Amino acid sequence: MKVKVTRNFQVTIPSEIREKLGIKEGDYVEVTLDESNGAIIIKPYKRKWTTIRLNKKVGQEDIDKAVEEALNDSS
């Protein structure tokens, strides 16, 4: 399928492809370049959101540590 690049360098993913991949408004996609054949690859990116309730003030070091632990738990 051909799509047009807008002046803001945006493209529309055709509805047939969005439906097959389950991509909805507000979702994230991962964009990579396959340099061997000059292809742009767009894949759905399903992020799992985690919410934590903190009962204290935290600093950047605490946040970085929590993020690192969360990433290690998901691996």
PDB file of N, CA and C in Angstrom:
ATOM      1  N   MET A   1       0.839  -1.184   0.000  1.00  0.00           N
ATOM      2  CA  MET A   1       0.000   0.000   0.000  1.00  0.00           C
ATOM      3  C   MET A   1       0.877   1.238   0.000  1.00  0.00           C
ATOM      4  N   LYS A   2       0.452   2.233  -0.705  1.00  0.00           N
ATOM      5  CA  LYS A   2       1.183   3.493  -0.727  1.00  0.00           C
ATOM      6  C   LYS A   2       0.477   4.485   0.189  1.00  0.00           C
ATOM      7  N   VAL A   3       1.279   5.230   0.941  1.00  0.00           N
ATOM      8  CA  VAL A   3       0.750   6.304   1.781  1.00  0.00           C
ATOM      9  C   VAL A   3       1.606   7.539   1.555  1.00  0.00           C
ATOM     10  N   LYS A   4       1.045   8.691   1.802  1.00  0.00           N
ATOM     11  CA  LYS A   4       1.737   9.959   1.565  1.00  0.00           C
ATOM     12  C   LYS A   4       2.396  10.438   2.853  1.00  0.00           C
ATOM     13  N   VAL A   5       3.584  10.994   2.717  1.00  0.00           N
ATOM     14  CA  VAL A   5       4.280  11.616   3.839  1.00  0.00           C
ATOM     15  C   VAL A   5       3.815  13.069   3.909  1.00  0.00           C
ATOM     16  N   THR A   6       3.317  13.493   5.086  1.00  0.00           N
ATOM     17  CA  THR A   6       2.833  14.865   5.242  1.00  0.00           C
ATOM     18  C   THR A   6       3.994  15.825   5.445  1.00  0.00           C
ATOM     19  N   ARG A   7       3.689  17.112   5.479  1.00  0.00           N
ATOM     20  CA  ARG A   7       4.757  18.116   5.659  1.00  0.00           C
ATOM     21  C   ARG A   7       5.438  17.990   7.014  1.00  0.00           C
ATOM     22  N   ASN A   8       4.789  17.333   7.976  1.00  0.00           N
ATOM     23  CA  ASN A   8       5.408  17.076   9.290  1.00  0.00           C
ATOM     24  C   ASN A   8       6.085  15.712   9.322  1.00  0.00           C
ATOM     25  N   PHE A   9       6.277  15.105   8.148  1.00  0.00           N
ATOM     26  CA  PHE A   9       6.920  13.797   7.998  1.00  0.00           C
ATOM     27  C   PHE A   9       6.147  12.692   8.708  1.00  0.00           C
ATOM     28  N   GLN A  10       4.821  12.810   8.715  1.00  0.00           N
ATOM     29  CA  GLN A  10       3.966  11.787   9.299  1.00  0.00           C
ATOM     30  C   GLN A  10       3.342  10.956   8.196  1.00  0.00           C
ATOM     31  N   VAL A  11       3.053   9.693   8.526  1.00  0.00           N
ATOM     32  CA  VAL A  11       2.334   8.824   7.599  1.00  0.00           C
ATOM     33  C   VAL A  11       1.156   8.207   8.348  1.00  0.00           C
ATOM     34  N   THR A  12       0.139   7.837   7.613  1.00  0.00           N
ATOM     35  CA  THR A  12      -1.020   7.165   8.194  1.00  0.00           C
ATOM     36  C   THR A  12      -0.880   5.678   7.934  1.00  0.00           C
ATOM     37  N   ILE A  13      -1.029   4.881   8.999  1.00  0.00           N
ATOM     38  CA  ILE A  13      -1.014   3.433   8.831  1.00  0.00           C
ATOM     39  C   ILE A  13      -2.409   3.037   8.341  1.00  0.00           C
ATOM     40  N   PRO A  14      -2.503   2.387   7.191  1.00  0.00           N
ATOM     41  CA  PRO A  14      -3.815   2.024   6.653  1.00  0.00           C
ATOM     42  C   PRO A  14      -4.649   1.197   7.645  1.00  0.00           C
ATOM     43  N   SER A  15      -5.958   1.424   7.624  1.00  0.00           N
ATOM     44  CA  SER A  15      -6.848   0.779   8.593  1.00  0.00           C
ATOM     45  C   SER A  15      -6.752  -0.741   8.547  1.00  0.00           C
ATOM     46  N   GLU A  16      -6.584  -1.321   7.369  1.00  0.00           N
ATOM     47  CA  GLU A  16      -6.476  -2.779   7.256  1.00  0.00           C
ATOM     48  C   GLU A  16      -5.296  -3.307   8.081  1.00  0.00           C
ATOM     49  N   ILE A  17      -4.183  -2.604   8.024  1.00  0.00           N
ATOM     50  CA  ILE A  17      -2.990  -3.016   8.769  1.00  0.00           C
ATOM     51  C   ILE A  17      -3.179  -2.741  10.258  1.00  0.00           C
ATOM     52  N   ARG A  18      -3.729  -1.574  10.612  1.00  0.00           N
ATOM     53  CA  ARG A  18      -3.974  -1.248  12.029  1.00  0.00           C
ATOM     54  C   ARG A  18      -4.865  -2.296  12.679  1.00  0.00           C
ATOM     55  N   GLU A  19      -5.915  -2.700  11.964  1.00  0.00           N
ATOM     56  CA  GLU A  19      -6.840  -3.685  12.517  1.00  0.00           C
ATOM     57  C   GLU A  19      -6.160  -5.038  12.707  1.00  0.00           C
ATOM     58  N   LYS A  20      -5.387  -5.471  11.733  1.00  0.00           N
ATOM     59  CA  LYS A  20      -4.688  -6.765  11.837  1.00  0.00           C
ATOM     60  C   LYS A  20      -3.703  -6.783  12.994  1.00  0.00           C
ATOM     61  N   LEU A  21      -3.059  -5.642  13.248  1.00  0.00           N
ATOM     62  CA  LEU A  21      -2.055  -5.570  14.308  1.00  0.00           C
ATOM     63  C   LEU A  21      -2.628  -5.091  15.640  1.00  0.00           C
ATOM     64  N   GLY A  22      -3.892  -4.681  15.641  1.00  0.00           N
ATOM     65  CA  GLY A  22      -4.521  -4.226  16.884  1.00  0.00           C
ATOM     66  C   GLY A  22      -4.001  -2.879  17.356  1.00  0.00           C
ATOM     67  N   ILE A  23      -3.565  -2.035  16.430  1.00  0.00           N
ATOM     68  CA  ILE A  23      -3.051  -0.717  16.781  1.00  0.00           C
ATOM     69  C   ILE A  23      -4.222   0.254  16.890  1.00  0.00           C
ATOM     70  N   LYS A  24      -4.303   0.934  18.032  1.00  0.00           N
ATOM     71  CA  LYS A  24      -5.384   1.886  18.273  1.00  0.00           C
ATOM     72  C   LYS A  24      -4.806   3.270  18.571  1.00  0.00           C
ATOM     73  N   GLU A  25      -5.638   4.283  18.470  1.00  0.00           N
ATOM     74  CA  GLU A  25      -5.214   5.654  18.760  1.00  0.00           C
ATOM     75  C   GLU A  25      -4.600   5.709  20.157  1.00  0.00           C
ATOM     76  N   GLY A  26      -3.459   6.353  20.268  1.00  0.00           N
ATOM     77  CA  GLY A  26      -2.775   6.482  21.555  1.00  0.00           C
ATOM     78  C   GLY A  26      -1.757   5.391  21.820  1.00  0.00           C
ATOM     79  N   ASP A  27      -1.792   4.304  21.036  1.00  0.00           N
ATOM     80  CA  ASP A  27      -0.807   3.232  21.197  1.00  0.00           C
ATOM     81  C   ASP A  27       0.557   3.722  20.734  1.00  0.00           C
ATOM     82  N   TYR A  28       1.576   3.034  21.190  1.00  0.00           N
ATOM     83  CA  TYR A  28       2.932   3.296  20.730  1.00  0.00           C
ATOM     84  C   TYR A  28       3.311   2.251  19.696  1.00  0.00           C
ATOM     85  N   VAL A  29       4.177   2.636  18.770  1.00  0.00           N
ATOM     86  CA  VAL A  29       4.750   1.698  17.816  1.00  0.00           C
ATOM     87  C   VAL A  29       6.261   1.851  17.856  1.00  0.00           C
ATOM     88  N   GLU A  30       6.948   0.786  17.517  1.00  0.00           N
ATOM     89  CA  GLU A  30       8.408   0.804  17.455  1.00  0.00           C
ATOM     90  C   GLU A  30       8.805   0.953  15.995  1.00  0.00           C
ATOM     91  N   VAL A  31       9.661   1.914  15.704  1.00  0.00           N
ATOM     92  CA  VAL A  31      10.088   2.174  14.328  1.00  0.00           C
ATOM     93  C   VAL A  31      11.581   1.879  14.224  1.00  0.00           C
ATOM     94  N   THR A  32      11.937   0.995  13.290  1.00  0.00           N
ATOM     95  CA  THR A  32      13.339   0.662  13.073  1.00  0.00           C
ATOM     96  C   THR A  32      13.649   0.748  11.579  1.00  0.00           C
ATOM     97  N   LEU A  33      14.910   0.824  11.262  1.00  0.00           N
ATOM     98  CA  LEU A  33      15.365   0.900   9.881  1.00  0.00           C
ATOM     99  C   LEU A  33      16.166  -0.348   9.557  1.00  0.00           C
ATOM    100  N   ASP A  34      15.778  -1.041   8.523  1.00  0.00           N
ATOM    101  CA  ASP A  34      16.542  -2.174   8.005  1.00  0.00           C
ATOM    102  C   ASP A  34      17.409  -1.618   6.876  1.00  0.00           C
ATOM    103  N   GLU A  35      18.633  -1.272   7.217  1.00  0.00           N
ATOM    104  CA  GLU A  35      19.515  -0.616   6.246  1.00  0.00           C
ATOM    105  C   GLU A  35      19.892  -1.522   5.087  1.00  0.00           C
ATOM    106  N   SER A  36      19.822  -2.835   5.287  1.00  0.00           N
ATOM    107  CA  SER A  36      20.221  -3.749   4.212  1.00  0.00           C
ATOM    108  C   SER A  36      19.319  -3.637   2.990  1.00  0.00           C
ATOM    109  N   ASN A  37      18.044  -3.277   3.215  1.00  0.00           N
ATOM    110  CA  ASN A  37      17.154  -3.121   2.059  1.00  0.00           C
ATOM    111  C   ASN A  37      16.394  -1.797   2.069  1.00  0.00           C
ATOM    112  N   GLY A  38      16.802  -0.877   2.939  1.00  0.00           N
ATOM    113  CA  GLY A  38      16.193   0.447   2.978  1.00  0.00           C
ATOM    114  C   GLY A  38      14.735   0.438   3.423  1.00  0.00           C
ATOM    115  N   ALA A  39      14.367  -0.511   4.284  1.00  0.00           N
ATOM    116  CA  ALA A  39      12.977  -0.635   4.729  1.00  0.00           C
ATOM    117  C   ALA A  39      12.778  -0.021   6.109  1.00  0.00           C
ATOM    118  N   ILE A  40      11.669   0.678   6.270  1.00  0.00           N
ATOM    119  CA  ILE A  40      11.250   1.181   7.571  1.00  0.00           C
ATOM    120  C   ILE A  40      10.291   0.145   8.141  1.00  0.00           C
ATOM    121  N   ILE A  41      10.567  -0.324   9.347  1.00  0.00           N
ATOM    122  CA  ILE A  41       9.742  -1.356   9.972  1.00  0.00           C
ATOM    123  C   ILE A  41       8.992  -0.736  11.138  1.00  0.00           C
ATOM    124  N   ILE A  42       7.664  -0.899  11.139  1.00  0.00           N
ATOM    125  CA  ILE A  42       6.822  -0.368  12.210  1.00  0.00           C
ATOM    126  C   ILE A  42       6.151  -1.551  12.885  1.00  0.00           C
ATOM    127  N   LYS A  43       6.387  -1.708  14.204  1.00  0.00           N
ATOM    128  CA  LYS A  43       5.781  -2.811  14.951  1.00  0.00           C
ATOM    129  C   LYS A  43       5.016  -2.254  16.142  1.00  0.00           C
ATOM    130  N   PRO A  44       3.905  -2.901  16.517  1.00  0.00           N
ATOM    131  CA  PRO A  44       3.187  -2.472  17.716  1.00  0.00           C
ATOM    132  C   PRO A  44       4.108  -2.597  18.921  1.00  0.00           C
ATOM    133  N   TYR A  45       4.012  -1.657  19.831  1.00  0.00           N
ATOM    134  CA  TYR A  45       4.812  -1.675  21.055  1.00  0.00           C
ATOM    135  C   TYR A  45       3.831  -1.712  22.211  1.00  0.00           C
ATOM    136  N   LYS A  46       3.723  -2.857  22.827  1.00  0.00           N
ATOM    137  CA  LYS A  46       2.769  -3.033  23.920  1.00  0.00           C
ATOM    138  C   LYS A  46       3.495  -2.820  25.247  1.00  0.00           C
ATOM    139  N   ARG A  47       3.321  -1.651  25.782  1.00  0.00           N
ATOM    140  CA  ARG A  47       3.968  -1.294  27.036  1.00  0.00           C
ATOM    141  C   ARG A  47       3.059  -1.688  28.194  1.00  0.00           C
ATOM    142  N   LYS A  48       3.653  -2.320  29.189  1.00  0.00           N
ATOM    143  CA  LYS A  48       2.919  -2.644  30.404  1.00  0.00           C
ATOM    144  C   LYS A  48       3.182  -1.533  31.410  1.00  0.00           C
ATOM    145  N   TRP A  49       2.133  -0.844  31.807  1.00  0.00           N
ATOM    146  CA  TRP A  49       2.273   0.256  32.751  1.00  0.00           C
ATOM    147  C   TRP A  49       2.194  -0.283  34.168  1.00  0.00           C
ATOM    148  N   THR A  50       3.043   0.214  35.011  1.00  0.00           N
ATOM    149  CA  THR A  50       3.043  -0.171  36.409  1.00  0.00           C
ATOM    150  C   THR A  50       2.804   1.068  37.244  1.00  0.00           C
ATOM    151  N   THR A  51       1.933   0.940  38.212  1.00  0.00           N
ATOM    152  CA  THR A  51       1.655   2.046  39.113  1.00  0.00           C
ATOM    153  C   THR A  51       2.062   1.641  40.518  1.00  0.00           C
ATOM    154  N   ILE A  52       2.779   2.515  41.183  1.00  0.00           N
ATOM    155  CA  ILE A  52       3.185   2.249  42.562  1.00  0.00           C
ATOM    156  C   ILE A  52       2.771   3.436  43.422  1.00  0.00           C
ATOM    157  N   ARG A  53       2.283   3.142  44.594  1.00  0.00           N
ATOM    158  CA  ARG A  53       1.914   4.198  45.525  1.00  0.00           C
ATOM    159  C   ARG A  53       3.062   4.363  46.521  1.00  0.00           C
ATOM    160  N   LEU A  54       3.532   5.582  46.635  1.00  0.00           N
ATOM    161  CA  LEU A  54       4.631   5.876  47.553  1.00  0.00           C
ATOM    162  C   LEU A  54       4.100   6.732  48.701  1.00  0.00           C
ATOM    163  N   ASN A  55       4.513   6.389  49.887  1.00  0.00           N
ATOM    164  CA  ASN A  55       4.071   7.154  51.056  1.00  0.00           C
ATOM    165  C   ASN A  55       5.210   7.987  51.629  1.00  0.00           C
ATOM    166  N   LYS A  56       6.121   8.395  50.738  1.00  0.00           N
ATOM    167  CA  LYS A  56       7.249   9.212  51.165  1.00  0.00           C
ATOM    168  C   LYS A  56       7.750  10.018  49.979  1.00  0.00           C
ATOM    169  N   LYS A  57       8.554  11.024  50.263  1.00  0.00           N
ATOM    170  CA  LYS A  57       9.187  11.796  49.200  1.00  0.00           C
ATOM    171  C   LYS A  57      10.343  10.965  48.646  1.00  0.00           C
ATOM    172  N   VAL A  58      10.518  11.030  47.325  1.00  0.00           N
ATOM    173  CA  VAL A  58      11.593  10.274  46.701  1.00  0.00           C
ATOM    174  C   VAL A  58      12.428  11.199  45.825  1.00  0.00           C
ATOM    175  N   GLY A  59      13.684  10.825  45.677  1.00  0.00           N
ATOM    176  CA  GLY A  59      14.590  11.587  44.827  1.00  0.00           C
ATOM    177  C   GLY A  59      14.844  10.851  43.531  1.00  0.00           C
ATOM    178  N   GLN A  60      15.617  11.464  42.653  1.00  0.00           N
ATOM    179  CA  GLN A  60      15.905  10.863  41.347  1.00  0.00           C
ATOM    180  C   GLN A  60      16.591   9.509  41.497  1.00  0.00           C
ATOM    181  N   GLU A  61      17.471   9.379  42.477  1.00  0.00           N
ATOM    182  CA  GLU A  61      18.175   8.113  42.701  1.00  0.00           C
ATOM    183  C   GLU A  61      17.179   6.992  43.024  1.00  0.00           C
ATOM    184  N   ASP A  62      16.181   7.308  43.858  1.00  0.00           N
ATOM    185  CA  ASP A  62      15.148   6.326  44.197  1.00  0.00           C
ATOM    186  C   ASP A  62      14.350   5.922  42.964  1.00  0.00           C
ATOM    187  N   ILE A  63      14.030   6.891  42.121  1.00  0.00           N
ATOM    188  CA  ILE A  63      13.256   6.624  40.903  1.00  0.00           C
ATOM    189  C   ILE A  63      14.077   5.750  39.956  1.00  0.00           C
ATOM    190  N   ASP A  64      15.348   6.101  39.759  1.00  0.00           N
ATOM    191  CA  ASP A  64      16.210   5.319  38.875  1.00  0.00           C
ATOM    192  C   ASP A  64      16.316   3.871  39.355  1.00  0.00           C
ATOM    193  N   LYS A  65      16.459   3.675  40.658  1.00  0.00           N
ATOM    194  CA  LYS A  65      16.569   2.334  41.232  1.00  0.00           C
ATOM    195  C   LYS A  65      15.277   1.549  41.008  1.00  0.00           C
ATOM    196  N   ALA A  66      14.130   2.189  41.225  1.00  0.00           N
ATOM    197  CA  ALA A  66      12.841   1.523  41.036  1.00  0.00           C
ATOM    198  C   ALA A  66      12.641   1.125  39.577  1.00  0.00           C
ATOM    199  N   VAL A  67      13.024   2.006  38.647  1.00  0.00           N
ATOM    200  CA  VAL A  67      12.894   1.705  37.225  1.00  0.00           C
ATOM    201  C   VAL A  67      13.794   0.531  36.862  1.00  0.00           C
ATOM    202  N   GLU A  68      15.021   0.542  37.342  1.00  0.00           N
ATOM    203  CA  GLU A  68      15.959  -0.547  37.045  1.00  0.00           C
ATOM    204  C   GLU A  68      15.418  -1.874  37.570  1.00  0.00           C
ATOM    205  N   GLU A  69      14.876  -1.870  38.781  1.00  0.00           N
ATOM    206  CA  GLU A  69      14.316  -3.100  39.356  1.00  0.00           C
ATOM    207  C   GLU A  69      13.120  -3.584  38.546  1.00  0.00           C
ATOM    208  N   ALA A  70      12.266  -2.649  38.112  1.00  0.00           N
ATOM    209  CA  ALA A  70      11.091  -3.025  37.321  1.00  0.00           C
ATOM    210  C   ALA A  70      11.510  -3.627  35.985  1.00  0.00           C
ATOM    211  N   LEU A  71      12.530  -3.051  35.361  1.00  0.00           N
ATOM    212  CA  LEU A  71      13.004  -3.574  34.090  1.00  0.00           C
ATOM    213  C   LEU A  71      13.606  -4.969  34.260  1.00  0.00           C
ATOM    214  N   ASN A  72      14.333  -5.178  35.350  1.00  0.00           N
ATOM    215  CA  ASN A  72      14.920  -6.489  35.610  1.00  0.00           C
ATOM    216  C   ASN A  72      13.843  -7.531  35.898  1.00  0.00           C
ATOM    217  N   ASP A  73      12.757  -7.130  36.561  1.00  0.00           N
ATOM    218  CA  ASP A  73      11.658  -8.059  36.862  1.00  0.00           C
ATOM    219  C   ASP A  73      10.927  -8.498  35.613  1.00  0.00           C
ATOM    220  N   SER A  74      10.866  -7.624  34.594  1.00  0.00           N
ATOM    221  CA  SER A  74      10.118  -7.938  33.373  1.00  0.00           C
ATOM    222  C   SER A  74      10.939  -8.777  32.396  1.00  0.00           C
ATOM    223  N   SER A  75      12.229  -8.925  32.644  1.00  0.00           N
ATOM    224  CA  SER A  75      13.092  -9.698  31.728  1.00  0.00           C
ATOM    225  C   SER A  75      12.972 -11.184  31.959  1.00  0.00           C
TER     226      SER A  75
END
